[in-house]
Amino acid sequence: MKRIAALILAVLMLSGCVPHTELNRLGIAEAVGVDLENGLYTVTVQYFNTDASGGVTAVDSTAPNAVITSGSGRTIESAVEALSYKTGCNIMFGSAAILVFSEDALGSLEEALWLAISHYSGNPAAYVAAARGKASDIMNVRFKEGNASVEKLKDMLRNAEELGLSRTVRVHEALEKLSCPAGGVVLPLLQAYTGGPELTEEGSSVIIAGGALCTGGRFAGALSVREMSGLHILDPAPGSLGNCEMTLSYMGRDTRVMLYGTRAIIDPEYSGRLSLGVHITADCKIVSTGISAPYSVREELEELCAGELEKRVADLLEKTVTAYGADVSGISYVLVQHYPDLRILSGSELRNLLAGSAVSVTADVRMERYGV
């Protein structure tokens, strides 16, 4: 009886193992790019090469650490199916760390994210970004760092967020923002470029070229890096602590400062027309300066810093709220808390209300005596 029990246990344990031949038939996606051109979707996937370094059997260290391939179809789902036929692999999105959409494909952003989550067991914590040009160009840049090229892209996005230059967006956050009545989301805008070997790997690389506003089911417009910084100030990421780095010019000398503990308060007033008052507070440290005695002009530097904060946030709101009625930082939540009757507004009505609003931005900055 004990032998039978042991045999059954061994069979059950062995049946849970996945042989290497089955792993070879899985395309474990690390990064996904979606393009739309002439009514045809192209999905480009960068997936881990199990035959290269890190494979589960014999390792070929000369093989690339990522395989990049693509499939096309009239829908995103049919493009993924074409990709599976082409590679002979079942494409898995559960490990995908970043999804990149071309500007033309952003009209299908919400549908594509729900498809990835519901049908392909996608990763809700994956980063979402836009591409200037083709998303496939971003996928085809082969960085040497990390176990796949996507590791470098993730580091770029995180570093930009820590410096307050851009705001990262994850799948679950994008879906939440797009589901709001005046739903709008700003994605980091990536751009592939070629240049000298000192700035690139094998002649190509990727830069963060600003942001892409998606609202009303379409790509609405591009934001500059400075306006992306304004979004980070208004709506800092939970892990960034409201950090933001900027350079000020005073008396012909540059002073680089780091803001931290940034806080933004939105105070709406509504009497037929909406008025949005935004007040920002922040602490500040000098990182580097060309001024011989910077703390002798401390008040002047604080005023310059506050003015720059006001300008960046005002430019962001003009580019998103005023131009498109797009809620990119939870304004509608604050609005209905103050005025519950506005809950009945449809998405288009709320966008019109936001677009017709008067916006004012003020800021206070306190500079530390000692820099970092």
Protein backbone atom coordinates (compact mmCIF):
# COMPACT_ATOMS: atom_id res chain seq x y z
CA MET A 1 0.00 0.00 0.00
CA LYS A 2 2.85 2.36 0.85
CA ARG A 3 4.50 1.57 -2.50
CA ILE A 4 1.27 2.40 -4.36
CA ALA A 5 0.92 5.67 -2.48
CA ALA A 6 4.52 6.59 -3.26
CA LEU A 7 4.00 5.75 -6.94
CA ILE A 8 0.87 7.91 -7.15
CA LEU A 9 2.70 10.78 -5.44
CA ALA A 10 5.61 10.48 -7.88
CA VAL A 11 3.25 10.51 -10.88
CA LEU A 12 1.46 13.60 -9.57
CA MET A 13 4.75 15.42 -8.97
CA LEU A 14 6.13 14.56 -12.39
CA SER A 15 2.91 15.53 -14.13
CA GLY A 16 3.35 19.06 -12.83
CA CYS A 17 6.70 19.50 -14.56
CA VAL A 18 6.84 21.33 -17.88
CA PRO A 19 9.30 19.72 -20.33
CA HIS A 20 11.72 21.91 -22.27
CA THR A 21 10.01 21.07 -25.54
CA GLU A 22 6.88 22.81 -24.25
CA LEU A 23 8.83 25.87 -23.11
CA ASN A 24 10.20 26.20 -26.63
CA ARG A 25 6.64 26.57 -27.85
CA LEU A 26 5.94 29.51 -25.55
CA GLY A 27 6.72 33.08 -26.56
CA ILE A 28 7.13 34.80 -23.19
CA ALA A 29 6.71 38.43 -24.20
CA GLU A 30 9.01 40.97 -22.53
CA ALA A 31 7.84 43.99 -24.53
CA VAL A 32 5.00 44.59 -27.02
CA GLY A 33 4.65 47.26 -29.69
CA VAL A 34 1.38 48.08 -31.50
CA ASP A 35 1.22 50.00 -34.79
CA LEU A 36 -1.73 50.96 -37.01
CA GLU A 37 -1.17 51.85 -40.66
CA ASN A 38 -3.70 51.87 -43.51
CA GLY A 39 -6.26 50.04 -41.39
CA LEU A 40 -3.84 47.23 -40.53
CA TYR A 41 -2.53 46.53 -37.03
CA THR A 42 0.99 45.23 -36.58
CA VAL A 43 1.98 43.75 -33.22
CA THR A 44 5.73 43.45 -32.63
CA VAL A 45 6.85 41.31 -29.71
CA GLN A 46 10.22 41.12 -28.04
CA TYR A 47 10.38 37.83 -26.18
CA PHE A 48 13.04 36.02 -24.21
CA ASN A 49 15.21 33.60 -26.17
CA THR A 50 15.33 30.37 -24.16
CA ASP A 51 18.23 29.11 -26.30
CA ALA A 52 20.48 32.03 -25.30
CA SER A 53 22.00 32.93 -21.95
CA GLY A 54 19.54 32.07 -19.21
CA GLY A 55 17.88 29.17 -21.04
CA VAL A 56 16.84 26.10 -19.09
CA THR A 57 19.07 23.66 -20.98
CA ALA A 58 22.27 24.02 -23.00
CA VAL A 59 23.07 27.72 -23.32
CA ASP A 60 24.40 29.38 -26.46
CA SER A 61 25.99 32.61 -25.20
CA THR A 62 26.48 33.88 -28.76
CA ALA A 63 22.72 33.92 -29.46
CA PRO A 64 20.75 37.16 -28.88
CA ASN A 65 18.97 37.38 -25.53
CA ALA A 66 15.72 38.45 -27.18
CA VAL A 67 13.83 37.39 -30.28
CA ILE A 68 11.89 40.14 -32.07
CA THR A 69 9.11 39.32 -34.52
CA SER A 70 5.78 40.73 -35.65
CA GLY A 71 2.37 39.81 -37.05
CA SER A 72 -0.35 41.84 -38.78
CA GLY A 73 -4.14 41.76 -38.99
CA ARG A 74 -7.28 43.86 -39.23
CA THR A 75 -7.63 43.74 -35.45
CA ILE A 76 -5.06 43.57 -32.65
CA GLU A 77 -6.30 40.10 -31.73
CA SER A 78 -5.89 38.80 -35.30
CA ALA A 79 -2.39 40.34 -35.40
CA VAL A 80 -1.44 38.40 -32.27
CA GLU A 81 -2.88 35.22 -33.81
CA ALA A 82 -0.79 35.82 -36.95
CA LEU A 83 2.22 36.23 -34.69
CA SER A 84 1.55 32.85 -33.08
CA TYR A 85 1.23 31.14 -36.48
CA LYS A 86 4.44 32.79 -37.65
CA THR A 87 6.54 31.82 -34.64
CA GLY A 88 4.90 28.51 -33.76
CA CYS A 89 4.64 29.82 -30.18
CA ASN A 90 1.75 30.68 -27.93
CA ILE A 91 2.42 34.32 -27.06
CA MET A 92 2.16 35.00 -23.32
CA PHE A 93 1.75 38.60 -22.09
CA GLY A 94 1.95 37.87 -18.35
CA SER A 95 5.63 38.83 -18.16
CA ALA A 96 5.42 41.81 -20.51
CA ALA A 97 7.05 44.78 -18.79
CA ILE A 98 6.14 47.49 -21.31
CA LEU A 99 3.51 48.04 -24.02
CA VAL A 100 4.23 50.71 -26.63
CA PHE A 101 1.59 52.19 -28.98
CA SER A 102 2.20 54.32 -32.04
CA GLU A 103 0.24 57.58 -32.06
CA ASP A 104 -2.14 56.21 -34.72
CA ALA A 105 -2.83 53.10 -32.59
CA LEU A 106 -3.72 55.12 -29.47
CA GLY A 107 -7.36 55.23 -30.59
CA SER A 108 -7.50 51.53 -29.63
CA LEU A 109 -5.56 51.96 -26.38
CA GLU A 110 -8.34 51.13 -23.91
CA GLU A 111 -9.62 48.19 -25.98
CA ALA A 112 -6.09 46.81 -26.41
CA LEU A 113 -5.28 47.03 -22.70
CA TRP A 114 -8.50 45.24 -21.73
CA LEU A 115 -7.74 42.60 -24.38
CA ALA A 116 -4.24 42.06 -22.99
CA ILE A 117 -5.54 41.74 -19.44
CA SER A 118 -8.61 39.57 -20.10
CA HIS A 119 -7.57 37.36 -23.01
CA TYR A 120 -3.80 37.11 -22.80
CA SER A 121 -3.32 37.22 -19.00
CA GLY A 122 -1.46 40.51 -19.33
CA ASN A 123 0.51 42.19 -16.58
CA PRO A 124 -1.53 45.04 -14.98
CA ALA A 125 1.67 46.53 -13.59
CA ALA A 126 3.34 46.77 -17.02
CA TYR A 127 4.38 50.23 -18.21
CA VAL A 128 2.44 51.81 -21.09
CA ALA A 129 4.14 54.25 -23.47
CA ALA A 130 3.62 55.87 -26.85
CA ALA A 131 6.01 56.00 -29.79
CA ARG A 132 6.87 58.90 -32.04
CA GLY A 133 6.96 57.09 -35.36
CA LYS A 134 6.56 53.32 -35.26
CA ALA A 135 6.35 51.25 -32.09
CA SER A 136 8.22 48.50 -33.95
CA ASP A 137 11.24 50.85 -34.17
CA ILE A 138 11.33 50.96 -30.36
CA MET A 139 11.09 47.16 -30.16
CA ASN A 140 13.94 46.70 -32.64
CA VAL A 141 16.49 48.70 -30.65
CA ARG A 142 18.71 46.03 -29.11
CA PHE A 143 20.19 47.14 -25.81
CA LYS A 144 22.87 44.92 -24.31
CA GLU A 145 21.99 45.52 -20.67
CA GLY A 146 19.67 43.24 -18.69
CA ASN A 147 18.28 39.85 -19.61
CA ALA A 148 16.41 41.48 -22.51
CA SER A 149 16.38 44.91 -24.12
CA VAL A 150 13.24 45.87 -22.24
CA GLU A 151 15.25 46.19 -19.01
CA LYS A 152 16.95 49.34 -20.35
CA LEU A 153 13.59 50.85 -21.38
CA LYS A 154 12.21 50.27 -17.88
CA ASP A 155 15.27 51.90 -16.32
CA MET A 156 14.91 54.92 -18.62
CA LEU A 157 11.28 55.44 -17.61
CA ARG A 158 11.99 55.01 -13.91
CA ASN A 159 14.99 57.36 -13.95
CA ALA A 160 13.01 60.04 -15.78
CA GLU A 161 10.28 59.75 -13.16
CA GLU A 162 12.73 59.98 -10.24
CA LEU A 163 14.13 63.20 -11.73
CA GLY A 164 10.62 64.58 -12.24
CA LEU A 165 11.03 64.78 -16.02
CA SER A 166 8.22 62.40 -16.92
CA ARG A 167 5.36 60.49 -15.34
CA THR A 168 5.22 56.73 -15.83
CA VAL A 169 1.87 55.06 -16.43
CA ARG A 170 1.02 51.42 -15.75
CA VAL A 171 -1.73 49.37 -17.39
CA HIS A 172 -4.11 49.48 -14.42
CA GLU A 173 -3.64 53.25 -14.03
CA ALA A 174 -4.24 53.89 -17.74
CA LEU A 175 -7.46 51.88 -17.64
CA GLU A 176 -8.63 53.76 -14.54
CA LYS A 177 -7.96 57.16 -16.11
CA LEU A 178 -9.59 56.24 -19.42
CA SER A 179 -12.72 54.97 -17.65
CA CYS A 180 -13.41 58.40 -16.09
CA PRO A 181 -16.13 60.54 -17.73
CA ALA A 182 -13.53 63.00 -19.06
CA GLY A 183 -10.95 60.27 -19.26
CA GLY A 184 -7.53 61.23 -20.49
CA VAL A 185 -4.09 59.75 -19.99
CA VAL A 186 -0.65 61.10 -20.86
CA LEU A 187 1.89 58.44 -21.83
CA PRO A 188 5.66 58.90 -21.99
CA LEU A 189 6.58 59.42 -25.65
CA LEU A 190 9.53 57.30 -26.82
CA GLN A 191 11.54 57.99 -29.94
CA ALA A 192 14.10 55.77 -31.64
CA TYR A 193 17.16 57.53 -33.03
CA THR A 194 20.53 56.81 -34.53
CA GLY A 195 23.73 58.62 -33.75
CA GLY A 196 27.37 58.32 -32.79
CA PRO A 197 28.66 55.27 -30.90
CA GLU A 198 29.21 57.31 -27.73
CA LEU A 199 25.44 57.78 -27.33
CA THR A 200 24.09 54.56 -28.81
CA GLU A 201 24.45 50.81 -28.77
CA GLU A 202 25.15 49.35 -32.20
CA GLY A 203 24.15 52.66 -33.76
CA SER A 204 20.65 53.00 -32.29
CA SER A 205 18.99 54.01 -29.03
CA VAL A 206 15.79 55.43 -27.54
CA ILE A 207 15.06 58.79 -25.92
CA ILE A 208 12.05 60.14 -24.02
CA ALA A 209 10.78 62.87 -26.32
CA GLY A 210 7.88 64.18 -24.20
CA GLY A 211 4.38 62.80 -23.78
CA ALA A 212 1.32 61.77 -25.79
CA LEU A 213 -2.19 62.77 -24.68
CA CYS A 214 -4.87 60.16 -25.37
CA THR A 215 -8.43 61.31 -24.74
CA GLY A 216 -11.82 60.96 -26.37
CA GLY A 217 -10.69 57.65 -27.86
CA ARG A 218 -7.86 59.14 -29.91
CA PHE A 219 -4.39 60.63 -29.84
CA ALA A 220 -5.06 64.30 -29.07
CA GLY A 221 -1.62 65.88 -29.07
CA ALA A 222 2.00 65.75 -27.98
CA LEU A 223 3.45 67.33 -24.83
CA SER A 224 6.97 68.63 -24.40
CA VAL A 225 9.33 67.30 -21.72
CA ARG A 226 8.74 70.54 -19.81
CA GLU A 227 4.97 69.98 -19.84
CA MET A 228 5.52 66.37 -18.77
CA SER A 229 7.44 67.77 -15.82
CA GLY A 230 4.37 69.89 -15.03
CA LEU A 231 2.25 66.73 -14.96
CA HIS A 232 4.72 65.12 -12.56
CA ILE A 233 4.52 68.19 -10.30
CA LEU A 234 0.72 68.20 -10.36
CA ASP A 235 0.35 64.45 -9.98
CA PRO A 236 3.60 62.90 -8.66
CA ALA A 237 4.00 59.14 -8.76
CA PRO A 238 3.61 57.41 -5.36
CA GLY A 239 7.23 56.25 -5.31
CA SER A 240 8.81 59.50 -6.48
CA LEU A 241 8.08 61.58 -3.34
CA GLY A 242 7.32 64.54 -5.59
CA ASN A 243 10.94 64.93 -6.71
CA CYS A 244 11.64 67.26 -9.62
CA GLU A 245 14.97 68.51 -10.93
CA MET A 246 15.25 71.83 -12.80
CA THR A 247 17.82 74.44 -13.79
CA LEU A 248 17.33 78.13 -12.93
CA SER A 249 19.21 81.05 -14.46
CA TYR A 250 19.99 84.06 -12.24
CA MET A 251 22.32 86.90 -13.18
CA GLY A 252 23.64 84.86 -16.09
CA ARG A 253 24.60 81.90 -13.84
CA ASP A 254 22.90 78.49 -13.77
CA THR A 255 21.72 76.86 -10.55
CA ARG A 256 20.47 73.29 -10.63
CA VAL A 257 17.95 72.48 -7.90
CA MET A 258 16.07 69.42 -6.73
CA LEU A 259 12.48 69.86 -5.53
CA TYR A 260 11.03 67.32 -3.14
CA GLY A 261 7.89 66.89 -1.06
CA THR A 262 5.89 68.56 -3.83
CA ARG A 263 2.19 68.93 -3.03
CA ALA A 264 -0.62 70.24 -5.23
CA ILE A 265 -4.07 71.32 -4.03
CA ILE A 266 -6.88 71.77 -6.56
CA ASP A 267 -9.62 74.14 -5.41
CA PRO A 268 -12.58 74.33 -7.83
CA GLU A 269 -15.34 76.94 -7.87
CA TYR A 270 -18.46 76.58 -9.97
CA SER A 271 -21.17 79.15 -10.68
CA GLY A 272 -22.17 78.57 -14.28
CA ARG A 273 -18.49 78.56 -15.26
CA LEU A 274 -15.77 76.44 -13.69
CA SER A 275 -12.71 78.05 -12.09
CA LEU A 276 -9.77 75.88 -11.10
CA GLY A 277 -7.30 77.22 -8.56
CA VAL A 278 -4.15 75.12 -8.25
CA HIS A 279 -1.68 75.79 -5.43
CA ILE A 280 1.69 74.03 -5.26
CA THR A 281 4.13 73.82 -2.36
CA ALA A 282 7.62 72.30 -2.43
CA ASP A 283 10.91 72.14 -0.59
CA CYS A 284 14.09 72.75 -2.57
CA LYS A 285 17.81 71.98 -2.35
CA ILE A 286 20.65 73.31 -4.49
CA VAL A 287 22.43 70.55 -6.39
CA SER A 288 25.00 72.71 -8.19
CA THR A 289 25.41 76.43 -8.87
CA GLY A 290 27.63 78.95 -10.58
CA ILE A 291 26.74 81.62 -8.00
CA SER A 292 29.54 82.24 -5.48
CA ALA A 293 27.20 82.91 -2.54
CA PRO A 294 23.85 81.33 -3.53
CA TYR A 295 22.18 81.70 -0.14
CA SER A 296 22.67 85.45 -0.18
CA VAL A 297 20.12 85.48 -3.03
CA ARG A 298 17.95 82.75 -1.52
CA GLU A 299 14.68 84.67 -1.83
CA GLU A 300 15.35 85.50 -5.47
CA LEU A 301 16.05 81.83 -6.26
CA GLU A 302 12.89 80.77 -4.42
CA GLU A 303 10.84 83.21 -6.52
CA LEU A 304 12.45 81.94 -9.73
CA CYS A 305 11.74 78.36 -8.74
CA ALA A 306 8.11 79.11 -7.83
CA GLY A 307 7.62 80.96 -11.11
CA GLU A 308 9.02 78.03 -13.08
CA LEU A 309 6.72 75.62 -11.22
CA GLU A 310 3.69 77.80 -11.99
CA LYS A 311 4.64 78.02 -15.65
CA ARG A 312 5.14 74.28 -16.11
CA VAL A 313 1.83 73.34 -14.49
CA ALA A 314 -0.08 76.15 -16.26
CA ASP A 315 1.33 75.02 -19.63
CA LEU A 316 0.29 71.43 -18.90
CA LEU A 317 -3.27 72.44 -17.99
CA GLU A 318 -3.55 74.65 -21.06
CA LYS A 319 -2.38 71.78 -23.28
CA THR A 320 -4.75 69.21 -21.74
CA VAL A 321 -7.68 70.70 -19.80
CA THR A 322 -8.21 73.93 -21.75
CA ALA A 323 -7.49 72.51 -25.21
CA TYR A 324 -9.27 69.14 -24.92
CA GLY A 325 -11.20 69.08 -21.63
CA ALA A 326 -9.01 66.13 -20.69
CA ASP A 327 -8.76 65.16 -17.03
CA VAL A 328 -5.20 63.89 -16.60
CA SER A 329 -4.75 64.29 -12.84
CA GLY A 330 -8.01 63.47 -11.03
CA ILE A 331 -9.60 66.91 -11.43
CA SER A 332 -13.07 65.43 -12.00
CA TYR A 333 -12.88 63.52 -8.68
CA VAL A 334 -12.14 66.74 -6.82
CA LEU A 335 -14.85 68.56 -8.76
CA VAL A 336 -17.70 66.17 -7.94
CA GLN A 337 -16.64 66.06 -4.28
CA HIS A 338 -17.21 69.81 -4.11
CA TYR A 339 -20.27 69.81 -6.39
CA PRO A 340 -22.10 66.43 -6.26
CA ASP A 341 -24.76 67.64 -8.74
CA LEU A 342 -22.12 67.51 -11.49
CA ARG A 343 -22.04 63.69 -11.23
CA ILE A 344 -24.88 63.51 -13.76
CA LEU A 345 -22.79 65.11 -16.51
CA SER A 346 -21.87 62.88 -19.42
CA GLY A 347 -18.28 62.55 -20.56
CA SER A 348 -18.69 65.08 -23.37
CA GLU A 349 -20.47 67.56 -21.07
CA LEU A 350 -17.72 67.29 -18.46
CA ARG A 351 -15.02 67.74 -21.11
CA ASN A 352 -16.80 70.89 -22.35
CA LEU A 353 -17.01 72.19 -18.78
CA LEU A 354 -13.29 71.60 -18.21
CA ALA A 355 -12.34 73.10 -21.58
CA GLY A 356 -14.26 76.31 -20.73
CA SER A 357 -12.75 76.66 -17.27
CA ALA A 358 -10.54 79.48 -15.99
CA VAL A 359 -7.29 78.14 -14.52
CA SER A 360 -4.92 79.90 -12.12
CA VAL A 361 -1.72 78.39 -10.70
CA THR A 362 0.28 79.63 -7.69
CA ALA A 363 3.34 78.14 -5.99
CA ASP A 364 5.41 78.52 -2.81
CA VAL A 365 8.94 77.12 -2.54
CA ARG A 366 11.14 76.87 0.56
CA MET A 367 14.87 76.48 -0.07
CA GLU A 368 17.01 74.49 2.36
CA ARG A 369 20.16 76.12 3.75
CA TYR A 370 22.35 73.22 2.66
CA GLY A 371 22.26 71.54 -0.73
CA VAL A 372 22.42 67.84 -1.48
